Amino acid sequence: MAGELYPVAGCRFYIGGPISVGKIDLVAADFSTQSWTEVDGYSDMGAIGDNSALITTPLINRGRDYKQKGTANAPTRSDKFAVVAGDPGQALLIAAALPSNRNNTAIRIVLNDAAAVRVNPVTISIASPGVFTWTGHGLSVGDGISFATTGALPTGIVAATTYYVKTTPDANTFTIAATSGGTAIVTTGTQSGVHTASTVPFPAERLMAGLVMSALEEGGGANTMRMLSSSIEVNSNTVKIVRIGS
């Protein structure tokens, strides 16, 4: 939500598998086949985003260095984790850091900015597609939503299942799909009872590809945790997925 402030606490770090980095920037679809594993014990989050290389040209006649922005270059990520024995995510991070592993690895950061759940009565038409009426719904295409009822939902809708807003014809109506961007659902049959809709908020995400250069166990004083410290050379743009308006 606009103006909201969020702490770092609650963010999550996931590691995927090998990913190719091509000639053009990555998009969300490039990560769609990844299988993600959370790395537990997340204690220190690294920087996200791009820097620009600095081009400095000394000009004799001007007596001044003239500066320009050069190529984009993501900073080295430095993420730390408290050592958790047997954690599969930490095992994958260590494996990705082996010198023999020269692949770019998919990295996913899930932020903690999901909106609060909203619940409201809805009416549902029997139509192709089914139209849902919620006065002043405030929903956007792609938002998650689920349904409950005191009776029976129309055929095509299953209670406690996450659906995705397909269209918002006006401020009071919307259609849904089974998958984000999928085909609008057709409702058939009969229905009864009072239906309610609940938003299913999704937090924002950051996706990137990078070389896991190290995953070192750090020591310290007696009253410190054993830590796993990773260094990741980000080798792509950062894909920003913003889904906090549900």
C-alpha atoms as a PDB file:
ATOM      1  CA  MET A   1       0.000   0.000   0.000  1.00  0.00           C
ATOM      2  CA  ALA A   2       1.206   3.514  -0.803  1.00  0.00           C
ATOM      3  CA  GLY A   3       3.100   5.142   2.034  1.00  0.00           C
ATOM      4  CA  GLU A   4       3.439   1.913   4.025  1.00  0.00           C
ATOM      5  CA  LEU A   5       6.769   1.158   5.734  1.00  0.00           C
ATOM      6  CA  TYR A   6       8.087  -2.395   6.007  1.00  0.00           C
ATOM      7  CA  PRO A   7      10.846  -3.894   8.164  1.00  0.00           C
ATOM      8  CA  VAL A   8      13.326  -6.396   6.766  1.00  0.00           C
ATOM      9  CA  ALA A   9      12.014  -9.000   9.222  1.00  0.00           C
ATOM     10  CA  GLY A  10       9.726 -11.459   7.471  1.00  0.00           C
ATOM     11  CA  CYS A  11      11.519 -11.479   4.112  1.00  0.00           C
ATOM     12  CA  ARG A  12      12.496 -14.885   2.735  1.00  0.00           C
ATOM     13  CA  PHE A  13      15.348 -16.171   0.560  1.00  0.00           C
ATOM     14  CA  TYR A  14      14.833 -19.010  -1.949  1.00  0.00           C
ATOM     15  CA  ILE A  15      17.317 -20.819  -4.156  1.00  0.00           C
ATOM     16  CA  GLY A  16      16.414 -22.455  -7.444  1.00  0.00           C
ATOM     17  CA  GLY A  17      18.389 -24.379 -10.008  1.00  0.00           C
ATOM     18  CA  PRO A  18      20.558 -23.468 -12.995  1.00  0.00           C
ATOM     19  CA  ILE A  19      19.226 -20.703 -15.221  1.00  0.00           C
ATOM     20  CA  SER A  20      20.450 -19.360 -18.552  1.00  0.00           C
ATOM     21  CA  VAL A  21      21.287 -15.696 -18.936  1.00  0.00           C
ATOM     22  CA  GLY A  22      20.766 -14.559 -22.535  1.00  0.00           C
ATOM     23  CA  LYS A  23      21.369 -11.397 -24.493  1.00  0.00           C
ATOM     24  CA  ILE A  24      18.257  -9.636 -23.206  1.00  0.00           C
ATOM     25  CA  ASP A  25      16.951  -8.933 -19.732  1.00  0.00           C
ATOM     26  CA  LEU A  26      15.195 -11.738 -17.898  1.00  0.00           C
ATOM     27  CA  VAL A  27      11.430 -11.621 -17.314  1.00  0.00           C
ATOM     28  CA  ALA A  28       9.217 -13.411 -14.802  1.00  0.00           C
ATOM     29  CA  ALA A  29       8.386 -16.163 -17.306  1.00  0.00           C
ATOM     30  CA  ASP A  30      12.073 -17.176 -17.408  1.00  0.00           C
ATOM     31  CA  PHE A  31      11.709 -18.340 -13.795  1.00  0.00           C
ATOM     32  CA  SER A  32       8.383 -20.156 -14.241  1.00  0.00           C
ATOM     33  CA  THR A  33       9.898 -23.667 -14.363  1.00  0.00           C
ATOM     34  CA  GLN A  34      12.114 -23.206 -11.312  1.00  0.00           C
ATOM     35  CA  SER A  35      11.632 -25.367  -8.231  1.00  0.00           C
ATOM     36  CA  TRP A  36      12.257 -23.139  -5.224  1.00  0.00           C
ATOM     37  CA  THR A  37      13.686 -24.170  -1.850  1.00  0.00           C
ATOM     38  CA  GLU A  38      13.720 -21.735   1.040  1.00  0.00           C
ATOM     39  CA  VAL A  39      17.050 -21.219   2.802  1.00  0.00           C
ATOM     40  CA  ASP A  40      16.297 -21.237   6.526  1.00  0.00           C
ATOM     41  CA  GLY A  41      17.938 -19.090   9.201  1.00  0.00           C
ATOM     42  CA  TYR A  42      17.924 -15.879   7.125  1.00  0.00           C
ATOM     43  CA  SER A  43      19.582 -13.219   9.277  1.00  0.00           C
ATOM     44  CA  ASP A  44      21.067 -10.552   6.983  1.00  0.00           C
ATOM     45  CA  MET A  45      19.699  -9.509   3.569  1.00  0.00           C
ATOM     46  CA  GLY A  46      21.940  -8.236   0.795  1.00  0.00           C
ATOM     47  CA  ALA A  47      21.398  -5.386  -1.649  1.00  0.00           C
ATOM     48  CA  ILE A  48      18.926  -5.683  -4.533  1.00  0.00           C
ATOM     49  CA  GLY A  49      19.122  -3.795  -7.830  1.00  0.00           C
ATOM     50  CA  ASP A  50      21.609  -2.358 -10.313  1.00  0.00           C
ATOM     51  CA  ASN A  51      24.510   0.059 -10.214  1.00  0.00           C
ATOM     52  CA  SER A  52      25.877   1.838 -13.256  1.00  0.00           C
ATOM     53  CA  ALA A  53      29.535   1.700 -14.174  1.00  0.00           C
ATOM     54  CA  LEU A  54      31.197   5.133 -14.131  1.00  0.00           C
ATOM     55  CA  ILE A  55      32.927   6.396 -17.275  1.00  0.00           C
ATOM     56  CA  THR A  56      35.305   9.252 -16.491  1.00  0.00           C
ATOM     57  CA  THR A  57      36.906  11.222 -19.330  1.00  0.00           C
ATOM     58  CA  PRO A  58      39.467  13.949 -18.470  1.00  0.00           C
ATOM     59  CA  LEU A  59      38.949  16.830 -20.900  1.00  0.00           C
ATOM     60  CA  ILE A  60      42.071  18.913 -21.408  1.00  0.00           C
ATOM     61  CA  ASN A  61      40.372  22.012 -22.798  1.00  0.00           C
ATOM     62  CA  ARG A  62      37.737  22.061 -20.061  1.00  0.00           C
ATOM     63  CA  GLY A  63      40.094  21.291 -17.210  1.00  0.00           C
ATOM     64  CA  ARG A  64      37.558  18.902 -15.759  1.00  0.00           C
ATOM     65  CA  ASP A  65      36.685  15.208 -15.721  1.00  0.00           C
ATOM     66  CA  TYR A  66      33.437  14.559 -17.597  1.00  0.00           C
ATOM     67  CA  LYS A  67      31.403  11.676 -16.205  1.00  0.00           C
ATOM     68  CA  GLN A  68      28.861   9.402 -17.868  1.00  0.00           C
ATOM     69  CA  LYS A  69      26.900   6.342 -16.907  1.00  0.00           C
ATOM     70  CA  GLY A  70      28.155   3.130 -18.464  1.00  0.00           C
ATOM     71  CA  THR A  71      26.924  -0.453 -18.340  1.00  0.00           C
ATOM     72  CA  ALA A  72      24.539  -1.735 -15.676  1.00  0.00           C
ATOM     73  CA  ASN A  73      26.138  -3.915 -13.031  1.00  0.00           C
ATOM     74  CA  ALA A  74      24.357  -5.449 -10.049  1.00  0.00           C
ATOM     75  CA  PRO A  75      26.330  -5.272  -6.805  1.00  0.00           C
ATOM     76  CA  THR A  76      27.592  -8.416  -5.111  1.00  0.00           C
ATOM     77  CA  ARG A  77      24.907  -9.885  -2.866  1.00  0.00           C
ATOM     78  CA  SER A  78      25.991 -10.672   0.681  1.00  0.00           C
ATOM     79  CA  ASP A  79      23.396 -12.769   2.510  1.00  0.00           C
ATOM     80  CA  LYS A  80      23.876 -14.469   5.866  1.00  0.00           C
ATOM     81  CA  PHE A  81      22.077 -17.376   7.481  1.00  0.00           C
ATOM     82  CA  ALA A  82      22.259 -18.929  10.933  1.00  0.00           C
ATOM     83  CA  VAL A  83      23.488 -22.491  10.443  1.00  0.00           C
ATOM     84  CA  VAL A  84      20.517 -24.883  10.558  1.00  0.00           C
ATOM     85  CA  ALA A  85      21.600 -28.529  10.598  1.00  0.00           C
ATOM     86  CA  GLY A  86      19.998 -30.556   7.820  1.00  0.00           C
ATOM     87  CA  ASP A  87      18.325 -27.587   6.107  1.00  0.00           C
ATOM     88  CA  PRO A  88      17.878 -28.487   2.400  1.00  0.00           C
ATOM     89  CA  GLY A  89      18.076 -24.856   1.300  1.00  0.00           C
ATOM     90  CA  GLN A  90      21.449 -24.351   2.965  1.00  0.00           C
ATOM     91  CA  ALA A  91      22.684 -27.599   1.400  1.00  0.00           C
ATOM     92  CA  LEU A  92      21.698 -26.313  -2.066  1.00  0.00           C
ATOM     93  CA  LEU A  93      23.409 -22.986  -1.423  1.00  0.00           C
ATOM     94  CA  ILE A  94      26.632 -24.760  -0.413  1.00  0.00           C
ATOM     95  CA  ALA A  95      26.431 -26.998  -3.498  1.00  0.00           C
ATOM     96  CA  ALA A  96      25.923 -23.993  -5.767  1.00  0.00           C
ATOM     97  CA  ALA A  97      29.089 -22.426  -4.335  1.00  0.00           C
ATOM     98  CA  LEU A  98      31.350 -25.368  -5.225  1.00  0.00           C
ATOM     99  CA  PRO A  99      34.117 -24.363  -7.665  1.00  0.00           C
ATOM    100  CA  SER A 100      32.944 -27.109 -10.027  1.00  0.00           C
ATOM    101  CA  ASN A 101      29.499 -25.491 -10.320  1.00  0.00           C
ATOM    102  CA  ARG A 102      29.859 -22.795 -12.969  1.00  0.00           C
ATOM    103  CA  ASN A 103      26.147 -22.298 -13.608  1.00  0.00           C
ATOM    104  CA  ASN A 104      24.147 -19.192 -12.927  1.00  0.00           C
ATOM    105  CA  THR A 105      21.668 -20.017 -10.171  1.00  0.00           C
ATOM    106  CA  ALA A 106      18.124 -18.667  -9.836  1.00  0.00           C
ATOM    107  CA  ILE A 107      17.560 -16.588  -6.694  1.00  0.00           C
ATOM    108  CA  ARG A 108      14.198 -15.423  -5.336  1.00  0.00           C
ATOM    109  CA  ILE A 109      13.603 -12.927  -2.545  1.00  0.00           C
ATOM    110  CA  VAL A 110      10.042 -12.795  -1.189  1.00  0.00           C
ATOM    111  CA  LEU A 111       9.324  -9.558   0.631  1.00  0.00           C
ATOM    112  CA  ASN A 112       6.979  -8.998   3.570  1.00  0.00           C
ATOM    113  CA  ASP A 113       4.570  -6.474   2.104  1.00  0.00           C
ATOM    114  CA  ALA A 114       1.432  -8.548   1.519  1.00  0.00           C
ATOM    115  CA  ALA A 115      -1.715  -6.550   2.205  1.00  0.00           C
ATOM    116  CA  ALA A 116      -4.231  -7.489   4.880  1.00  0.00           C
ATOM    117  CA  VAL A 117      -6.930  -9.987   3.908  1.00  0.00           C
ATOM    118  CA  ARG A 118     -10.296  -8.408   3.032  1.00  0.00           C
ATOM    119  CA  VAL A 119     -13.571 -10.348   3.287  1.00  0.00           C
ATOM    120  CA  ASN A 120     -16.855  -9.256   1.736  1.00  0.00           C
ATOM    121  CA  PRO A 121     -20.186 -10.756   0.575  1.00  0.00           C
ATOM    122  CA  VAL A 122     -20.427 -11.407  -3.176  1.00  0.00           C
ATOM    123  CA  THR A 123     -23.127 -12.415  -5.602  1.00  0.00           C
ATOM    124  CA  ILE A 124     -22.271 -14.690  -8.520  1.00  0.00           C
ATOM    125  CA  SER A 125     -24.043 -14.879 -11.865  1.00  0.00           C
ATOM    126  CA  ILE A 126     -24.572 -18.100 -13.757  1.00  0.00           C
ATOM    127  CA  ALA A 127     -22.973 -17.050 -17.010  1.00  0.00           C
ATOM    128  CA  SER A 128     -20.101 -17.459 -19.473  1.00  0.00           C
ATOM    129  CA  PRO A 129     -18.052 -16.103 -17.877  1.00  0.00           C
ATOM    130  CA  GLY A 130     -19.433 -15.890 -14.345  1.00  0.00           C
ATOM    131  CA  VAL A 131     -19.552 -12.313 -13.049  1.00  0.00           C
ATOM    132  CA  PHE A 132     -18.897 -11.573  -9.378  1.00  0.00           C
ATOM    133  CA  THR A 133     -20.414  -8.501  -7.749  1.00  0.00           C
ATOM    134  CA  TRP A 134     -18.675  -6.862  -4.785  1.00  0.00           C
ATOM    135  CA  THR A 135     -19.495  -3.180  -4.286  1.00  0.00           C
ATOM    136  CA  GLY A 136     -16.283  -1.129  -4.407  1.00  0.00           C
ATOM    137  CA  HIS A 137     -14.092  -4.230  -4.643  1.00  0.00           C
ATOM    138  CA  GLY A 138     -10.837  -2.326  -5.284  1.00  0.00           C
ATOM    139  CA  LEU A 139      -9.362  -5.389  -7.019  1.00  0.00           C
ATOM    140  CA  SER A 140      -6.824  -5.433  -9.850  1.00  0.00           C
ATOM    141  CA  VAL A 141      -6.214  -7.977 -12.580  1.00  0.00           C
ATOM    142  CA  GLY A 142      -4.024 -10.786 -11.195  1.00  0.00           C
ATOM    143  CA  ASP A 143      -5.095 -10.374  -7.567  1.00  0.00           C
ATOM    144  CA  GLY A 144      -5.730 -13.592  -5.678  1.00  0.00           C
ATOM    145  CA  ILE A 145      -9.175 -14.381  -4.289  1.00  0.00           C
ATOM    146  CA  SER A 146     -11.013 -17.315  -2.700  1.00  0.00           C
ATOM    147  CA  PHE A 147     -14.635 -18.062  -1.822  1.00  0.00           C
ATOM    148  CA  ALA A 148     -16.772 -19.547   0.930  1.00  0.00           C
ATOM    149  CA  THR A 149     -20.488 -20.060   1.269  1.00  0.00           C
ATOM    150  CA  THR A 150     -23.209 -21.001   3.754  1.00  0.00           C
ATOM    151  CA  GLY A 151     -24.820 -23.096   1.012  1.00  0.00           C
ATOM    152  CA  ALA A 152     -23.529 -24.177  -2.395  1.00  0.00           C
ATOM    153  CA  LEU A 153     -21.320 -22.346  -4.875  1.00  0.00           C
ATOM    154  CA  PRO A 154     -22.055 -22.550  -8.603  1.00  0.00           C
ATOM    155  CA  THR A 155     -20.405 -25.332 -10.550  1.00  0.00           C
ATOM    156  CA  GLY A 156     -16.969 -24.125 -11.622  1.00  0.00           C
ATOM    157  CA  ILE A 157     -16.097 -22.582  -8.248  1.00  0.00           C
ATOM    158  CA  VAL A 158     -14.566 -24.613  -5.398  1.00  0.00           C
ATOM    159  CA  ALA A 159     -14.506 -23.202  -1.868  1.00  0.00           C
ATOM    160  CA  ALA A 160     -11.129 -22.367  -0.231  1.00  0.00           C
ATOM    161  CA  THR A 161      -9.347 -22.441  -3.618  1.00  0.00           C
ATOM    162  CA  THR A 162      -7.201 -19.549  -4.805  1.00  0.00           C
ATOM    163  CA  TYR A 163      -8.389 -17.945  -8.042  1.00  0.00           C
ATOM    164  CA  TYR A 164      -7.073 -14.908  -9.897  1.00  0.00           C
ATOM    165  CA  VAL A 165      -8.943 -11.797 -11.010  1.00  0.00           C
ATOM    166  CA  LYS A 166      -9.239 -11.953 -14.800  1.00  0.00           C
ATOM    167  CA  THR A 167     -11.079  -8.704 -15.565  1.00  0.00           C
ATOM    168  CA  THR A 168     -12.609  -5.796 -13.655  1.00  0.00           C
ATOM    169  CA  PRO A 169     -15.363  -4.393 -15.895  1.00  0.00           C
ATOM    170  CA  ASP A 170     -16.196  -1.735 -13.309  1.00  0.00           C
ATOM    171  CA  ALA A 171     -15.717  -0.797  -9.663  1.00  0.00           C
ATOM    172  CA  ASN A 172     -18.270  -3.349  -8.494  1.00  0.00           C
ATOM    173  CA  THR A 173     -17.775  -6.441 -10.681  1.00  0.00           C
ATOM    174  CA  PHE A 174     -15.006  -8.811 -11.703  1.00  0.00           C
ATOM    175  CA  THR A 175     -14.373 -12.182 -13.353  1.00  0.00           C
ATOM    176  CA  ILE A 176     -11.875 -14.821 -12.293  1.00  0.00           C
ATOM    177  CA  ALA A 177      -9.547 -17.465 -13.751  1.00  0.00           C
ATOM    178  CA  ALA A 178      -8.013 -20.613 -12.299  1.00  0.00           C
ATOM    179  CA  THR A 179      -4.505 -19.364 -13.094  1.00  0.00           C
ATOM    180  CA  SER A 180      -3.022 -15.917 -13.403  1.00  0.00           C
ATOM    181  CA  GLY A 181      -3.798 -14.722 -16.919  1.00  0.00           C
ATOM    182  CA  GLY A 182      -5.871 -17.843 -17.655  1.00  0.00           C
ATOM    183  CA  THR A 183      -9.305 -18.210 -19.212  1.00  0.00           C
ATOM    184  CA  ALA A 184     -12.239 -16.650 -17.378  1.00  0.00           C
ATOM    185  CA  ILE A 185     -14.271 -19.258 -15.507  1.00  0.00           C
ATOM    186  CA  VAL A 186     -17.744 -20.202 -16.679  1.00  0.00           C
ATOM    187  CA  THR A 187     -20.303 -20.773 -13.905  1.00  0.00           C
ATOM    188  CA  THR A 188     -23.130 -23.278 -14.323  1.00  0.00           C
ATOM    189  CA  GLY A 189     -25.674 -25.189 -12.263  1.00  0.00           C
ATOM    190  CA  THR A 190     -27.473 -23.870  -9.212  1.00  0.00           C
ATOM    191  CA  GLN A 191     -26.340 -22.071  -6.070  1.00  0.00           C
ATOM    192  CA  SER A 192     -27.630 -21.339  -2.597  1.00  0.00           C
ATOM    193  CA  GLY A 193     -26.745 -19.556   0.616  1.00  0.00           C
ATOM    194  CA  VAL A 194     -24.639 -16.464   1.231  1.00  0.00           C
ATOM    195  CA  HIS A 195     -21.304 -16.298  -0.591  1.00  0.00           C
ATOM    196  CA  THR A 196     -18.246 -14.430   0.654  1.00  0.00           C
ATOM    197  CA  ALA A 197     -14.992 -13.571  -1.101  1.00  0.00           C
ATOM    198  CA  SER A 198     -11.621 -13.258   0.632  1.00  0.00           C
ATOM    199  CA  THR A 199      -8.592 -11.633  -0.950  1.00  0.00           C
ATOM    200  CA  VAL A 200      -5.443 -13.765  -1.070  1.00  0.00           C
ATOM    201  CA  PRO A 201      -2.665 -11.182  -0.875  1.00  0.00           C
ATOM    202  CA  PHE A 202       0.681 -11.958  -2.498  1.00  0.00           C
ATOM    203  CA  PRO A 203       3.893 -10.273  -1.335  1.00  0.00           C
ATOM    204  CA  ALA A 204       6.237  -8.621  -3.815  1.00  0.00           C
ATOM    205  CA  GLU A 205       9.150 -10.669  -5.130  1.00  0.00           C
ATOM    206  CA  ARG A 206      12.582 -10.061  -6.610  1.00  0.00           C
ATOM    207  CA  LEU A 207      14.005 -12.604  -9.078  1.00  0.00           C
ATOM    208  CA  MET A 208      17.558 -12.733 -10.387  1.00  0.00           C
ATOM    209  CA  ALA A 209      20.300 -15.005 -11.691  1.00  0.00           C
ATOM    210  CA  GLY A 210      23.781 -15.097 -10.243  1.00  0.00           C
ATOM    211  CA  LEU A 211      26.970 -17.022  -9.585  1.00  0.00           C
ATOM    212  CA  VAL A 212      27.113 -18.310  -6.006  1.00  0.00           C
ATOM    213  CA  MET A 213      30.764 -17.576  -5.309  1.00  0.00           C
ATOM    214  CA  SER A 214      30.939 -18.709  -1.706  1.00  0.00           C
ATOM    215  CA  ALA A 215      28.928 -20.173   1.164  1.00  0.00           C
ATOM    216  CA  LEU A 216      31.321 -19.995   4.088  1.00  0.00           C
ATOM    217  CA  GLU A 217      30.765 -20.983   7.696  1.00  0.00           C
ATOM    218  CA  GLU A 218      31.642 -18.048   9.906  1.00  0.00           C
ATOM    219  CA  GLY A 219      32.740 -18.257  13.500  1.00  0.00           C
ATOM    220  CA  GLY A 220      32.794 -15.522  16.094  1.00  0.00           C
ATOM    221  CA  GLY A 221      32.779 -14.942  19.803  1.00  0.00           C
ATOM    222  CA  ALA A 222      31.239 -17.297  22.324  1.00  0.00           C
ATOM    223  CA  ASN A 223      27.896 -15.497  22.320  1.00  0.00           C
ATOM    224  CA  THR A 224      27.373 -15.489  18.554  1.00  0.00           C
ATOM    225  CA  MET A 225      25.618 -17.945  16.273  1.00  0.00           C
ATOM    226  CA  ARG A 226      27.497 -20.025  13.739  1.00  0.00           C
ATOM    227  CA  MET A 227      26.677 -18.390  10.414  1.00  0.00           C
ATOM    228  CA  LEU A 228      26.613 -19.376   6.751  1.00  0.00           C
ATOM    229  CA  SER A 229      27.779 -16.374   4.735  1.00  0.00           C
ATOM    230  CA  SER A 230      27.082 -16.365   1.008  1.00  0.00           C
ATOM    231  CA  SER A 231      28.461 -14.161  -1.753  1.00  0.00           C
ATOM    232  CA  ILE A 232      26.502 -14.028  -5.005  1.00  0.00           C
ATOM    233  CA  GLU A 233      27.665 -12.206  -8.123  1.00  0.00           C
ATOM    234  CA  VAL A 234      24.349 -11.210  -9.692  1.00  0.00           C
ATOM    235  CA  ASN A 235      24.611 -11.742 -13.441  1.00  0.00           C
ATOM    236  CA  SER A 236      21.255 -10.400 -14.625  1.00  0.00           C
ATOM    237  CA  ASN A 237      18.744  -7.658 -14.162  1.00  0.00           C
ATOM    238  CA  THR A 238      16.423  -7.893 -11.161  1.00  0.00           C
ATOM    239  CA  VAL A 239      12.863  -8.849 -12.079  1.00  0.00           C
ATOM    240  CA  LYS A 240      10.447  -7.009  -9.809  1.00  0.00           C
ATOM    241  CA  ILE A 241       7.078  -8.623  -9.171  1.00  0.00           C
ATOM    242  CA  VAL A 242       4.780  -6.233  -7.328  1.00  0.00           C
ATOM    243  CA  ARG A 243       1.561  -7.836  -6.094  1.00  0.00           C
ATOM    244  CA  ILE A 244       0.633  -6.030  -2.882  1.00  0.00           C
ATOM    245  CA  GLY A 245      -2.702  -4.470  -3.769  1.00  0.00           C
ATOM    246  CA  SER A 246      -5.025  -7.426  -3.088  1.00  0.00           C
END
